[in-house]
């Protein structure tokens, strides 16, 4: 059974919050409402949200400044602007900063729900990717300095003999280091190790500094 989407609705107008919450509920989406961005940021429930649907012009903290703060505390959570007072410059800034969409409050219900579902899917993918990267970083942190050198050279396509020559180490010693790198990184092939190096930003021999 799929996990229900959770959306945070932020709008200083109570009627708008209630209307949007009812719409979300009718589509099987869980909604939490907030009268301001600071109220949402201060609530621990923020950690479980898949998407934030927010007005642009609000007291205390406007939508664009809120977007900046959200990207710092919850970088994986998608944001969708829904406003009746938008502008081209505001929408451009919001989209450049990573907003999923910038919608007018006159948008149809079907289009709004489609955007919310897309935003939630992006958030969930981003969370998985961040978790995977953190796990890779943890594995990489357990490599010794020499193993990191071997990692980079193997990912760069060098053979054991070439790596040994580069590092001034016997080929049999490189084989030991290589096996340890594969084990510690939990890589089943060199191709997988190359993908890991790319995700970690490990500079291989054939890359410029």
Protein backbone atom coordinates (compact mmCIF):
# COMPACT_ATOMS: atom_id res chain seq x y z
CA UNK A 1 0.00 0.00 0.00
CA UNK A 2 1.52 3.36 -1.04
CA UNK A 3 2.48 5.80 1.70
CA UNK A 4 0.14 8.84 1.63
CA UNK A 5 1.62 12.11 0.43
CA UNK A 6 2.06 14.69 3.18
CA UNK A 7 1.73 18.36 2.25
CA UNK A 8 2.33 21.47 4.31
CA UNK A 9 -0.04 24.30 3.34
CA UNK A 10 1.14 27.78 4.27
CA UNK A 11 -1.19 30.73 3.80
CA UNK A 12 -2.09 33.65 6.05
CA UNK A 13 -5.74 33.39 4.99
CA UNK A 14 -7.61 30.82 7.05
CA UNK A 15 -10.26 30.26 4.39
CA UNK A 16 -7.58 29.43 1.82
CA UNK A 17 -5.88 26.99 4.19
CA UNK A 18 -9.12 25.17 4.95
CA UNK A 19 -10.16 25.01 1.31
CA UNK A 20 -6.82 23.58 0.21
CA UNK A 21 -6.77 21.10 3.11
CA UNK A 22 -10.22 19.81 2.10
CA UNK A 23 -9.06 19.42 -1.49
CA UNK A 24 -5.99 17.47 -0.40
CA UNK A 25 -8.05 15.21 1.86
CA UNK A 26 -10.46 14.44 -0.99
CA UNK A 27 -7.49 13.17 -3.00
CA UNK A 28 -6.13 11.02 -0.16
CA UNK A 29 -3.34 13.46 0.66
CA UNK A 30 -2.53 14.35 4.27
CA UNK A 31 -2.33 18.09 4.86
CA UNK A 32 -0.95 20.16 7.72
CA UNK A 33 -1.81 23.86 7.69
CA UNK A 34 0.20 26.84 8.89
CA UNK A 35 -0.58 30.56 9.02
CA UNK A 36 3.03 31.58 8.39
CA UNK A 37 6.37 30.26 7.25
CA UNK A 38 8.00 30.72 10.69
CA UNK A 39 5.19 28.64 12.22
CA UNK A 40 5.97 25.80 9.82
CA UNK A 41 9.74 26.05 10.33
CA UNK A 42 9.30 25.85 14.10
CA UNK A 43 7.12 22.73 13.96
CA UNK A 44 8.87 19.31 14.15
CA UNK A 45 6.26 17.96 11.71
CA UNK A 46 8.20 19.70 8.95
CA UNK A 47 10.57 16.72 8.82
CA UNK A 48 7.81 14.41 7.55
CA UNK A 49 6.48 16.64 4.78
CA UNK A 50 6.79 15.57 1.14
CA UNK A 51 5.92 18.97 -0.28
CA UNK A 52 5.30 22.55 0.77
CA UNK A 53 2.47 24.51 -0.88
CA UNK A 54 2.83 28.16 0.05
CA UNK A 55 1.52 31.59 -0.76
CA UNK A 56 4.06 34.13 -2.00
CA UNK A 57 3.16 37.31 -0.16
CA UNK A 58 2.81 36.76 3.57
CA UNK A 59 3.61 38.70 6.74
CA UNK A 60 6.71 37.90 8.83
CA UNK A 61 8.54 36.02 6.05
CA UNK A 62 7.68 36.25 2.36
CA UNK A 63 7.70 33.24 0.08
CA UNK A 64 11.04 33.81 -1.61
CA UNK A 65 12.92 34.36 1.65
CA UNK A 66 11.16 31.33 3.07
CA UNK A 67 12.32 29.33 0.07
CA UNK A 68 15.93 30.25 0.89
CA UNK A 69 15.54 29.08 4.48
CA UNK A 70 13.73 25.91 3.48
CA UNK A 71 16.56 24.93 1.13
CA UNK A 72 18.96 25.16 4.07
CA UNK A 73 16.98 23.19 6.66
CA UNK A 74 15.09 20.77 4.38
CA UNK A 75 16.98 20.66 1.07
CA UNK A 76 15.13 17.56 -0.16
CA UNK A 77 11.63 18.99 0.26
CA UNK A 78 10.00 20.44 -2.85
CA UNK A 79 8.18 23.76 -2.78
CA UNK A 80 5.21 24.90 -4.89
CA UNK A 81 4.05 28.52 -4.90
CA UNK A 82 0.33 29.21 -5.15
CA UNK A 83 -0.42 32.91 -5.23
CA UNK A 84 -2.88 35.50 -6.38
CA UNK A 85 -0.30 38.29 -6.42
CA UNK A 86 2.59 36.88 -8.38
CA UNK A 87 4.86 38.58 -10.86
CA UNK A 88 7.10 37.41 -13.66
CA UNK A 89 10.24 38.42 -11.77
CA UNK A 90 9.10 36.58 -8.65
CA UNK A 91 8.23 33.44 -10.58
CA UNK A 92 11.61 33.48 -12.35
CA UNK A 93 13.46 33.83 -9.04
CA UNK A 94 11.42 31.05 -7.46
CA UNK A 95 11.98 28.63 -10.34
CA UNK A 96 15.70 29.39 -10.53
CA UNK A 97 15.93 28.64 -6.81
CA UNK A 98 14.40 25.22 -7.36
CA UNK A 99 10.63 25.63 -6.98
CA UNK A 100 8.66 22.87 -8.70
CA UNK A 101 6.09 25.35 -9.99
CA UNK A 102 4.71 28.85 -9.56
CA UNK A 103 0.92 28.75 -9.84
CA UNK A 104 -1.93 31.25 -9.68
CA UNK A 105 -4.77 30.57 -7.26
CA UNK A 106 -7.15 30.36 -10.18
CA UNK A 107 -5.51 27.12 -11.36
CA UNK A 108 -7.80 24.12 -11.78
CA UNK A 109 -7.93 21.44 -9.12
CA UNK A 110 -6.67 18.67 -11.40
CA UNK A 111 -3.63 20.67 -12.48
CA UNK A 112 -2.87 21.62 -8.88
CA UNK A 113 -3.07 18.03 -7.68
CA UNK A 114 -0.85 16.84 -10.53
CA UNK A 115 1.77 19.41 -9.51
CA UNK A 116 1.57 18.38 -5.85
CA UNK A 117 2.06 14.71 -6.72
CA UNK A 118 5.02 15.57 -8.95
CA UNK A 119 6.57 17.69 -6.19
CA UNK A 120 6.11 14.92 -3.62
CA UNK A 121 7.71 12.38 -5.96
CA UNK A 122 10.71 14.68 -6.42
CA UNK A 123 11.10 15.07 -2.66
CA UNK A 124 11.05 11.34 -2.09
CA UNK A 125 13.61 10.73 -4.83
CA UNK A 126 15.83 13.47 -3.38
CA UNK A 127 15.64 11.91 0.09
CA UNK A 128 16.68 8.52 -1.27
CA UNK A 129 19.55 10.06 -3.22
CA UNK A 130 20.77 12.01 -0.18
CA UNK A 131 20.62 8.89 1.99
CA UNK A 132 22.57 6.92 -0.61
CA UNK A 133 25.20 9.65 -0.85
CA UNK A 134 25.57 9.82 2.92
CA UNK A 135 26.10 6.06 2.99
CA UNK A 136 28.77 6.35 0.26
CA UNK A 137 30.50 9.14 2.17
CA UNK A 138 30.51 6.98 5.28
CA UNK A 139 32.11 4.08 3.38
CA UNK A 140 34.66 6.40 1.78
CA UNK A 141 35.58 7.81 5.19
CA UNK A 142 36.70 4.33 6.26
CA UNK A 143 39.28 4.05 3.47
CA UNK A 144 42.91 4.69 4.35
CA UNK A 145 44.84 7.40 2.50
CA UNK A 146 46.50 4.77 0.30
CA UNK A 147 43.16 3.08 -0.41
CA UNK A 148 41.73 6.40 -1.53
CA UNK A 149 44.60 6.78 -3.97
CA UNK A 150 43.97 3.30 -5.33
CA UNK A 151 40.22 4.02 -5.50
CA UNK A 152 40.82 7.07 -7.68
CA UNK A 153 43.26 5.29 -9.97
CA UNK A 154 41.07 2.20 -10.38
CA UNK A 155 38.08 4.44 -11.14
CA UNK A 156 40.29 6.22 -13.67
CA UNK A 157 40.72 2.97 -15.59
CA UNK A 158 44.28 2.07 -14.62
CA UNK A 159 45.40 -1.55 -14.27
CA UNK A 160 47.06 -2.88 -11.13
CA UNK A 161 50.50 -2.77 -12.77
CA UNK A 162 50.01 0.86 -13.84
CA UNK A 163 48.76 1.85 -10.39
CA UNK A 164 51.74 0.16 -8.78
CA UNK A 165 54.10 2.07 -11.08
CA UNK A 166 52.38 5.39 -10.33
CA UNK A 167 52.51 4.84 -6.58
CA UNK A 168 55.87 3.08 -6.47
CA UNK A 169 54.32 -0.01 -4.92
CA UNK A 170 54.50 -3.69 -5.89
CA UNK A 171 51.62 -4.96 -8.01
CA UNK A 172 50.70 -7.62 -5.45
CA UNK A 173 50.34 -4.90 -2.82
CA UNK A 174 48.03 -2.95 -5.14
CA UNK A 175 45.90 -6.08 -5.53
CA UNK A 176 45.45 -6.18 -1.75
CA UNK A 177 44.53 -2.49 -1.59
CA UNK A 178 42.16 -2.88 -4.52
CA UNK A 179 40.35 -5.79 -2.89
CA UNK A 180 40.00 -3.80 0.34
CA UNK A 181 38.63 -0.81 -1.56
CA UNK A 182 36.04 -2.98 -3.29
CA UNK A 183 35.06 -4.58 0.02
CA UNK A 184 34.85 -1.35 2.02
CA UNK A 185 32.93 0.48 -0.72
CA UNK A 186 30.72 -2.61 -1.22
CA UNK A 187 31.29 -2.39 -4.97
CA UNK A 188 30.60 -5.52 -7.02
CA UNK A 189 32.40 -4.31 -10.14
CA UNK A 190 34.79 -1.65 -11.40
CA UNK A 191 31.90 -0.04 -13.26
CA UNK A 192 30.04 0.38 -9.97
CA UNK A 193 33.16 1.81 -8.36
CA UNK A 194 33.41 4.34 -11.21
CA UNK A 195 29.81 5.44 -10.56
CA UNK A 196 30.60 5.81 -6.86
CA UNK A 197 33.64 7.93 -7.64
CA UNK A 198 31.52 10.16 -9.84
CA UNK A 199 28.88 10.64 -7.13
CA UNK A 200 31.54 11.33 -4.50
CA UNK A 201 33.41 13.76 -6.72
CA UNK A 202 36.60 11.71 -6.47
CA UNK A 203 39.05 13.07 -9.05
CA UNK A 204 40.50 10.31 -11.18
CA UNK A 205 43.87 10.41 -12.93
CA UNK A 206 42.43 11.45 -16.30
CA UNK A 207 40.48 14.40 -14.86
CA UNK A 208 41.88 17.94 -14.65
CA UNK A 209 42.56 19.34 -11.17
